[in-house]
Amino acid sequence: MIAVDTNLLVYAHRRDSPWHAQALPRIVALAEGDAPWAIPWQCLVEFVGIVTHPRIYRPASTLEQAVGQIDAWLESPRLVLLNEQAGFWEALREILRVARVVGPQVHDAKIMAICRHHGVSELWSADRDFGRFPGVQVRNPLVV
């Protein structure tokens, strides 16, 4: 199963993103495809915070636009939403220790731990920092 990180969701949503033309068809292909795909809840929350932030985007997406976008993704019948479950702490603790994570990278470690805990095989992200975490292949589908 492929999981999608926040940055690709933002690029697919924001038409003013330099990566919009590459990201949108990839997210649409997942959403309309036959295979299960996933988004960690944490990434959906972060998505809203980023696209509605007036210091990041001018004009920022309205709350209605951000919520509408998430509602559209949630209509995908093969979408799996990933969250913390029993055993999550053990997965996160291992990643923190193995990758020697501290500070802001704990956020990324949490996403990776959730993906590993749910059996995700591949995480799509434009964030190179995910490469330091073991257990899930990380790929930027925007770069050929």
Protein backbone atom coordinates (compact mmCIF):
# COMPACT_ATOMS: atom_id res chain seq x y z
CA MET A 1 0.00 0.00 0.00
CA ILE A 2 1.21 3.51 -0.84
CA ALA A 3 0.83 6.30 1.73
CA VAL A 4 1.00 9.99 0.84
CA ASP A 5 2.80 12.68 2.83
CA THR A 6 1.50 16.21 3.40
CA ASN A 7 3.69 17.92 0.82
CA LEU A 8 2.24 15.95 -2.10
CA LEU A 9 -1.29 16.67 -0.89
CA VAL A 10 -0.46 20.38 -0.74
CA TYR A 11 1.09 20.35 -4.22
CA ALA A 12 -1.92 18.55 -5.66
CA HIS A 13 -4.32 21.02 -4.06
CA ARG A 14 -2.51 24.31 -4.67
CA ARG A 15 -2.64 25.30 -8.34
CA ASP A 16 0.08 27.88 -7.69
CA SER A 17 2.52 25.20 -6.57
CA PRO A 18 5.37 24.63 -9.02
CA TRP A 19 4.73 20.89 -8.54
CA HIS A 20 0.95 21.01 -9.05
CA ALA A 21 1.00 19.64 -12.61
CA GLN A 22 3.04 16.63 -11.51
CA ALA A 23 1.35 15.98 -8.15
CA LEU A 24 -2.32 16.25 -9.11
CA PRO A 25 -2.44 13.35 -11.60
CA ARG A 26 -0.56 11.07 -9.20
CA ILE A 27 -2.97 11.73 -6.35
CA VAL A 28 -5.95 11.39 -8.70
CA ALA A 29 -4.57 8.06 -9.97
CA LEU A 30 -4.34 6.76 -6.40
CA ALA A 31 -7.81 8.06 -5.50
CA GLU A 32 -9.43 6.58 -8.60
CA GLY A 33 -7.37 3.39 -8.72
CA ASP A 34 -8.20 -0.14 -7.66
CA ALA A 35 -5.43 -0.52 -5.08
CA PRO A 36 -5.68 0.61 -1.48
CA TRP A 37 -3.79 3.80 -0.68
CA ALA A 38 -3.35 5.67 2.58
CA ILE A 39 -3.03 9.06 4.23
CA PRO A 40 -1.98 9.42 7.86
CA TRP A 41 -4.49 11.55 9.79
CA GLN A 42 -1.57 13.67 10.93
CA CYS A 43 -0.91 14.61 7.29
CA LEU A 44 -4.52 15.69 6.72
CA VAL A 45 -4.39 17.95 9.77
CA GLU A 46 -1.05 19.38 8.67
CA PHE A 47 -2.46 19.90 5.15
CA VAL A 48 -5.21 22.17 6.52
CA GLY A 49 -2.69 24.13 8.57
CA ILE A 50 -0.40 24.71 5.61
CA VAL A 51 -2.83 25.56 2.82
CA THR A 52 -4.86 27.95 5.00
CA HIS A 53 -1.78 29.73 6.43
CA PRO A 54 -1.70 33.35 5.14
CA ARG A 55 2.07 33.62 5.60
CA ILE A 56 2.68 30.57 3.40
CA TYR A 57 0.16 31.25 0.62
CA ARG A 58 -1.19 34.58 -0.60
CA PRO A 59 -4.02 34.15 -0.92
CA ALA A 60 -4.28 31.14 1.33
CA SER A 61 -6.88 28.47 0.66
CA THR A 62 -10.05 29.12 2.58
CA LEU A 63 -11.03 26.70 5.29
CA GLU A 64 -13.96 25.66 3.08
CA GLN A 65 -11.59 24.87 0.20
CA ALA A 66 -9.27 22.82 2.43
CA VAL A 67 -12.14 20.90 4.01
CA GLY A 68 -13.71 20.36 0.59
CA GLN A 69 -10.45 18.93 -0.71
CA ILE A 70 -10.22 16.50 2.19
CA ASP A 71 -13.85 15.52 1.70
CA ALA A 72 -13.06 14.75 -1.95
CA TRP A 73 -10.13 12.50 -0.97
CA LEU A 74 -12.29 10.78 1.63
CA GLU A 75 -14.72 9.79 -1.12
CA SER A 76 -12.08 7.49 -2.57
CA PRO A 77 -13.38 4.00 -1.76
CA ARG A 78 -9.86 2.54 -1.46
CA LEU A 79 -8.47 5.24 0.89
CA VAL A 80 -7.22 3.98 4.26
CA LEU A 81 -6.77 6.59 7.00
CA LEU A 82 -3.84 5.79 9.25
CA ASN A 83 -3.73 6.58 12.95
CA GLU A 84 -2.12 5.45 16.15
CA GLN A 85 -3.27 2.09 17.44
CA ALA A 86 -2.15 -0.36 20.09
CA GLY A 87 1.53 -1.08 19.48
CA PHE A 88 2.21 2.32 17.91
CA TRP A 89 4.48 3.45 20.71
CA GLU A 90 6.75 0.47 20.20
CA ALA A 91 7.05 1.26 16.48
CA LEU A 92 7.78 4.94 17.14
CA ARG A 93 10.25 4.18 19.93
CA GLU A 94 12.21 1.89 17.61
CA ILE A 95 12.40 4.50 14.85
CA LEU A 96 13.42 7.22 17.30
CA ARG A 97 16.24 5.08 18.66
CA VAL A 98 17.48 3.57 15.39
CA ALA A 99 17.43 6.86 13.46
CA ARG A 100 18.56 8.85 16.53
CA VAL A 101 15.75 11.35 16.02
CA VAL A 102 15.33 14.50 18.08
CA GLY A 103 13.66 17.88 17.66
CA PRO A 104 11.49 18.65 14.65
CA GLN A 105 12.21 15.32 12.96
CA VAL A 106 10.07 13.58 15.58
CA HIS A 107 7.08 14.69 13.51
CA ASP A 108 8.39 12.79 10.47
CA ALA A 109 9.31 9.80 12.65
CA LYS A 110 5.70 9.67 13.83
CA ILE A 111 4.43 9.54 10.23
CA MET A 112 6.90 6.78 9.41
CA ALA A 113 5.98 4.80 12.52
CA ILE A 114 2.28 5.00 11.65
CA CYS A 115 3.05 3.84 8.11
CA ARG A 116 5.19 0.94 9.30
CA HIS A 117 2.61 -0.04 11.90
CA HIS A 118 -0.08 -0.25 9.20
CA GLY A 119 2.04 -2.23 6.75
CA VAL A 120 2.60 0.56 4.24
CA SER A 121 5.18 -0.54 1.68
CA GLU A 122 5.91 2.86 0.13
CA LEU A 123 5.60 6.46 1.32
CA TRP A 124 5.33 9.12 -1.35
CA SER A 125 7.01 12.32 -0.20
CA ALA A 126 9.14 15.15 -1.54
CA ASP A 127 10.80 15.37 1.89
CA ARG A 128 14.26 13.77 1.77
CA ASP A 129 14.39 13.47 5.57
CA PHE A 130 12.19 10.37 5.44
CA GLY A 131 15.05 8.45 3.87
CA ARG A 132 16.78 8.17 7.23
CA PHE A 133 13.99 6.01 8.68
CA PRO A 134 14.08 2.24 8.18
CA GLY A 135 11.24 -0.04 7.18
CA VAL A 136 9.27 1.76 4.47
CA GLN A 137 10.52 2.66 1.00
CA VAL A 138 10.32 6.42 0.42
CA ARG A 139 9.84 7.71 -3.11
CA ASN A 140 9.26 11.09 -4.62
CA PRO A 141 6.86 10.37 -7.51
CA LEU A 142 7.38 13.86 -8.89
CA VAL A 143 10.94 13.10 -9.91
CA VAL A 144 11.41 10.64 -12.72
